[in-house]
C-alpha atoms as a PDB file:
ATOM      1  CA  MET A   1       7.837  -0.490   1.039  1.00  0.00           C
ATOM      2  CA  ARG A   2       5.496   2.768   0.702  1.00  0.00           C
ATOM      3  CA  ILE A   3       3.533   3.482  -1.969  1.00  0.00           C
ATOM      4  CA  LYS A   4       2.155   7.105  -2.379  1.00  0.00           C
ATOM      5  CA  VAL A   5      -1.372   7.789  -3.110  1.00  0.00           C
ATOM      6  CA  ASN A   6      -2.424  10.016  -5.675  1.00  0.00           C
ATOM      7  CA  HIS A   7      -6.082   8.878  -6.159  1.00  0.00           C
ATOM      8  CA  ASN A   8      -8.097   8.448  -2.870  1.00  0.00           C
ATOM      9  CA  THR A   9     -11.044   7.778  -4.768  1.00  0.00           C
ATOM     10  CA  MET A  10      -9.633   3.938  -6.381  1.00  0.00           C
ATOM     11  CA  ILE A  11      -8.380   3.491  -2.922  1.00  0.00           C
ATOM     12  CA  ASN A  12     -11.113   3.978  -0.900  1.00  0.00           C
ATOM     13  CA  ARG A  13     -13.462   2.032  -3.780  1.00  0.00           C
ATOM     14  CA  ALA A  14     -11.255  -1.341  -3.128  1.00  0.00           C
ATOM     15  CA  LEU A  15     -11.174  -0.744   0.788  1.00  0.00           C
ATOM     16  CA  SER A  16     -15.143  -0.312   0.753  1.00  0.00           C
ATOM     17  CA  ARG A  17     -15.107  -3.152  -0.957  1.00  0.00           C
ATOM     18  CA  VAL A  18     -13.436  -5.103   0.832  1.00  0.00           C
ATOM     19  CA  LEU A  19     -14.423  -4.149   4.396  1.00  0.00           C
ATOM     20  CA  LYS A  20     -17.749  -4.409   3.086  1.00  0.00           C
ATOM     21  CA  LYS A  21     -18.363  -0.725   4.293  1.00  0.00           C
ATOM     22  CA  LYS A  22     -18.741   3.012   3.032  1.00  0.00           C
ATOM     23  CA  ILE A  23     -14.510   4.224   3.366  1.00  0.00           C
ATOM     24  CA  ASP A  24     -13.303   7.701   2.587  1.00  0.00           C
ATOM     25  CA  PHE A  25     -10.299   8.270   3.959  1.00  0.00           C
ATOM     26  CA  ASN A  26      -7.572  11.043   2.912  1.00  0.00           C
ATOM     27  CA  LEU A  27      -4.582   8.940   2.289  1.00  0.00           C
ATOM     28  CA  ASN A  28      -0.790  10.009   1.274  1.00  0.00           C
ATOM     29  CA  GLY A  29       0.263   6.572   0.975  1.00  0.00           C
ATOM     30  CA  ILE A  30       0.030   2.961   2.013  1.00  0.00           C
ATOM     31  CA  THR A  31       2.520   1.073   4.015  1.00  0.00           C
ATOM     32  CA  ILE A  32       2.856  -2.246   5.587  1.00  0.00           C
ATOM     33  CA  ASP A  33       6.254  -1.317   7.230  1.00  0.00           C
ATOM     34  CA  SER A  34       6.244   0.752  10.716  1.00  0.00           C
ATOM     35  CA  ARG A  35       9.364   2.308   9.981  1.00  0.00           C
ATOM     36  CA  ASN A  36       7.987   3.807   6.497  1.00  0.00           C
ATOM     37  CA  ILE A  37       4.968   5.755   7.851  1.00  0.00           C
ATOM     38  CA  LYS A  38       4.445   9.363   6.933  1.00  0.00           C
ATOM     39  CA  LYS A  39       2.026  11.510   8.012  1.00  0.00           C
ATOM     40  CA  GLY A  40      -1.933  10.485   6.208  1.00  0.00           C
ATOM     41  CA  ASP A  41      -0.529   6.752   5.553  1.00  0.00           C
ATOM     42  CA  LEU A  42      -2.673   3.790   5.853  1.00  0.00           C
ATOM     43  CA  PHE A  43      -0.903   1.472   8.281  1.00  0.00           C
ATOM     44  CA  ILE A  44      -1.472  -2.295   7.397  1.00  0.00           C
ATOM     45  CA  ALA A  45       0.221  -4.507  10.326  1.00  0.00           C
ATOM     46  CA  LEU A  46       0.905  -7.611   9.433  1.00  0.00           C
ATOM     47  CA  LYS A  47       2.188 -10.450  11.724  1.00  0.00           C
ATOM     48  CA  GLY A  48       5.562 -11.061  10.540  1.00  0.00           C
ATOM     49  CA  GLU A  49       7.987 -14.091  10.896  1.00  0.00           C
ATOM     50  CA  LYS A  50       9.156 -12.551  14.427  1.00  0.00           C
ATOM     51  CA  GLN A  51       6.710  -9.671  15.615  1.00  0.00           C
ATOM     52  CA  HIS A  52       3.709  -8.336  14.662  1.00  0.00           C
ATOM     53  CA  GLY A  53       3.478  -4.674  13.278  1.00  0.00           C
ATOM     54  CA  ALA A  54       0.659  -3.494  15.691  1.00  0.00           C
ATOM     55  CA  GLU A  55       3.783  -4.314  17.988  1.00  0.00           C
ATOM     56  CA  PHE A  56       4.818  -1.528  16.988  1.00  0.00           C
ATOM     57  CA  ILE A  57       1.767   0.916  16.658  1.00  0.00           C
ATOM     58  CA  ASN A  58       2.625   3.865  19.329  1.00  0.00           C
ATOM     59  CA  GLU A  59       1.018   6.968  20.390  1.00  0.00           C
ATOM     60  CA  ASP A  60       3.365   8.918  17.838  1.00  0.00           C
ATOM     61  CA  ILE A  61       2.174   6.638  14.716  1.00  0.00           C
ATOM     62  CA  ILE A  62      -1.174   6.691  15.198  1.00  0.00           C
ATOM     63  CA  ASN A  63      -1.092  10.213  15.191  1.00  0.00           C
ATOM     64  CA  LYS A  64       0.559  10.298  11.780  1.00  0.00           C
ATOM     65  CA  VAL A  65      -1.348   7.912  10.794  1.00  0.00           C
ATOM     66  CA  SER A  66      -4.995   8.065   8.975  1.00  0.00           C
ATOM     67  CA  HIS A  67      -6.315   4.853   9.579  1.00  0.00           C
ATOM     68  CA  ILE A  68      -4.722   1.296  10.489  1.00  0.00           C
ATOM     69  CA  ILE A  69      -5.933  -2.307   9.732  1.00  0.00           C
ATOM     70  CA  SER A  70      -5.113  -4.719  11.608  1.00  0.00           C
ATOM     71  CA  ASP A  71      -6.179  -8.263  12.984  1.00  0.00           C
ATOM     72  CA  MET A  72      -4.625  -7.564  15.793  1.00  0.00           C
ATOM     73  CA  LYS A  73      -6.963  -4.953  18.468  1.00  0.00           C
ATOM     74  CA  ILE A  74      -6.032  -1.793  18.782  1.00  0.00           C
ATOM     75  CA  ASP A  75      -7.513   1.688  20.831  1.00  0.00           C
ATOM     76  CA  SER A  76      -7.896   4.054  18.685  1.00  0.00           C
ATOM     77  CA  ASP A  77     -10.765   5.555  16.502  1.00  0.00           C
ATOM     78  CA  LYS A  78      -8.635   5.217  13.149  1.00  0.00           C
ATOM     79  CA  PHE A  79      -8.392   1.842  13.658  1.00  0.00           C
ATOM     80  CA  THR A  80     -10.133  -1.430  11.712  1.00  0.00           C
ATOM     81  CA  PHE A  81     -10.259  -4.984  13.054  1.00  0.00           C
ATOM     82  CA  VAL A  82      -9.876  -7.270  10.261  1.00  0.00           C
ATOM     83  CA  GLU A  83      -9.946 -11.408  11.011  1.00  0.00           C
ATOM     84  CA  ASP A  84      -6.513 -11.757   9.168  1.00  0.00           C
ATOM     85  CA  SER A  85      -4.513  -8.847   7.843  1.00  0.00           C
ATOM     86  CA  THR A  86      -2.554 -10.992   5.272  1.00  0.00           C
ATOM     87  CA  GLU A  87      -5.866 -12.330   3.972  1.00  0.00           C
ATOM     88  CA  PHE A  88      -6.950  -8.662   3.545  1.00  0.00           C
ATOM     89  CA  LEU A  89      -4.258  -7.486   2.251  1.00  0.00           C
ATOM     90  CA  ARG A  90      -4.491 -10.335  -0.451  1.00  0.00           C
ATOM     91  CA  ASN A  91      -7.721  -9.098  -1.230  1.00  0.00           C
ATOM     92  CA  PHE A  92      -7.356  -5.316  -0.959  1.00  0.00           C
ATOM     93  CA  SER A  93      -4.465  -6.416  -3.814  1.00  0.00           C
ATOM     94  CA  SER A  94      -6.533  -8.265  -5.726  1.00  0.00           C
ATOM     95  CA  SER A  95      -9.268  -5.338  -6.429  1.00  0.00           C
ATOM     96  CA  PHE A  96      -6.504  -3.734  -8.590  1.00  0.00           C
ATOM     97  CA  SER A  97      -6.036  -6.574 -11.110  1.00  0.00           C
ATOM     98  CA  THR A  98      -5.805  -5.448 -14.418  1.00  0.00           C
ATOM     99  CA  ASP A  99      -3.896  -6.835 -17.817  1.00  0.00           C
ATOM    100  CA  SER A 100      -0.644  -4.930 -17.258  1.00  0.00           C
ATOM    101  CA  ILE A 101       1.248  -2.670 -15.886  1.00  0.00           C
ATOM    102  CA  SER A 102       4.176  -0.720 -17.238  1.00  0.00           C
ATOM    103  CA  VAL A 103       6.634   0.709 -14.830  1.00  0.00           C
ATOM    104  CA  ASN A 104       8.648   4.075 -16.379  1.00  0.00           C
ATOM    105  CA  SER A 105      11.043   6.251 -14.700  1.00  0.00           C
ATOM    106  CA  HIS A 106      12.819   9.444 -15.469  1.00  0.00           C
ATOM    107  CA  SER A 107      15.513   7.314 -16.929  1.00  0.00           C
ATOM    108  CA  GLN A 108      12.562   6.551 -19.883  1.00  0.00           C
ATOM    109  CA  THR A 109      13.820   2.718 -18.666  1.00  0.00           C
ATOM    110  CA  THR A 110       9.868   0.990 -19.071  1.00  0.00           C
ATOM    111  CA  ARG A 111       8.833  -2.768 -18.137  1.00  0.00           C
ATOM    112  CA  THR A 112       5.366  -3.945 -18.261  1.00  0.00           C
ATOM    113  CA  LEU A 113       4.209  -7.024 -16.338  1.00  0.00           C
ATOM    114  CA  HIS A 114       1.352  -9.469 -17.441  1.00  0.00           C
ATOM    115  CA  PRO A 115      -0.881 -10.040 -15.238  1.00  0.00           C
ATOM    116  CA  PHE A 116      -0.747  -7.448 -12.358  1.00  0.00           C
ATOM    117  CA  ASP A 117      -2.068  -6.987  -8.624  1.00  0.00           C
ATOM    118  CA  LEU A 118      -0.633  -5.106  -5.989  1.00  0.00           C
ATOM    119  CA  SER A 119       0.775  -7.547  -3.822  1.00  0.00           C
ATOM    120  CA  SER A 120       3.146  -9.190  -6.781  1.00  0.00           C
ATOM    121  CA  PHE A 121       3.598  -4.870  -7.459  1.00  0.00           C
ATOM    122  CA  LEU A 122       4.940  -4.686  -4.435  1.00  0.00           C
ATOM    123  CA  THR A 123       7.322  -7.663  -4.685  1.00  0.00           C
ATOM    124  CA  PHE A 124       8.296  -6.449  -8.383  1.00  0.00           C
ATOM    125  CA  MET A 125       9.383  -2.960  -7.235  1.00  0.00           C
ATOM    126  CA  SER A 126      10.847  -4.753  -3.619  1.00  0.00           C
ATOM    127  CA  ARG A 127      13.260  -6.175  -6.334  1.00  0.00           C
ATOM    128  CA  SER A 128      13.370  -4.022  -9.172  1.00  0.00           C
ATOM    129  CA  ILE A 129      14.171  -1.104  -7.319  1.00  0.00           C
ATOM    130  CA  LEU A 130      17.529  -2.693  -5.542  1.00  0.00           C
ATOM    131  CA  ALA A 131      18.436  -4.301  -9.404  1.00  0.00           C
ATOM    132  CA  LEU A 132      17.463  -1.227 -11.323  1.00  0.00           C
ATOM    133  CA  ASN A 133      18.896   1.400  -9.233  1.00  0.00           C
ATOM    134  CA  PHE A 134      15.771   4.158  -9.089  1.00  0.00           C
ATOM    135  CA  SER A 135      16.901   4.566  -5.808  1.00  0.00           C
ATOM    136  CA  SER A 136      17.541   8.356  -6.624  1.00  0.00           C
ATOM    137  CA  GLN A 137      14.528   8.791  -9.041  1.00  0.00           C
ATOM    138  CA  LYS A 138      10.799   9.110  -9.179  1.00  0.00           C
ATOM    139  CA  VAL A 139       9.180   5.731 -10.727  1.00  0.00           C
ATOM    140  CA  PHE A 140       5.833   6.368 -11.637  1.00  0.00           C
ATOM    141  CA  PHE A 141       3.371   3.446 -12.257  1.00  0.00           C
ATOM    142  CA  VAL A 142       0.755   3.571 -14.886  1.00  0.00           C
ATOM    143  CA  PHE A 143      -2.538   1.235 -14.395  1.00  0.00           C
ATOM    144  CA  GLY A 144      -4.711   1.263 -18.120  1.00  0.00           C
ATOM    145  CA  THR A 145      -4.784   4.867 -18.656  1.00  0.00           C
ATOM    146  CA  GLU A 146      -4.573   6.180 -15.244  1.00  0.00           C
ATOM    147  CA  ALA A 147      -0.969   6.855 -13.207  1.00  0.00           C
ATOM    148  CA  PHE A 148      -2.040   7.245  -9.587  1.00  0.00           C
ATOM    149  CA  LEU A 149       0.949   5.357  -7.479  1.00  0.00           C
ATOM    150  CA  GLN A 150       4.187   6.410  -6.694  1.00  0.00           C
ATOM    151  CA  SER A 151       7.729   5.300  -4.737  1.00  0.00           C
ATOM    152  CA  LEU A 152       9.057   6.696  -2.847  1.00  0.00           C
END
């Protein structure tokens, strides 16, 4: 799954907190799947059951991404090393905790989740997009009063 980023400030603040350094990336999206990388994305390379996401990084991907975060070292100035990518994603996603999230589609279908964090959101959306057949619609996500992510 890939999430489009509409407000870099919130994402950069969360990344700065988790990475413990000032981050000012210009991101178009966030993905954990190398097949979904688009120009300007943050790619978080995770260890899978059989392979590590970093194994799929090539020059083409490096040219597309805004930044890569991984626990496998990559020779690029667009790379940040973390001890454990899964733990990083867990900490990063918990930066977005809120009391609820409303998910609205163009067909006016609304769902509210309590409590929310980015990892449960990704799980919810991967199931909901299939179950609710939102595949041909844009789905908007509202966190509190600020809408900033959009499924593609």
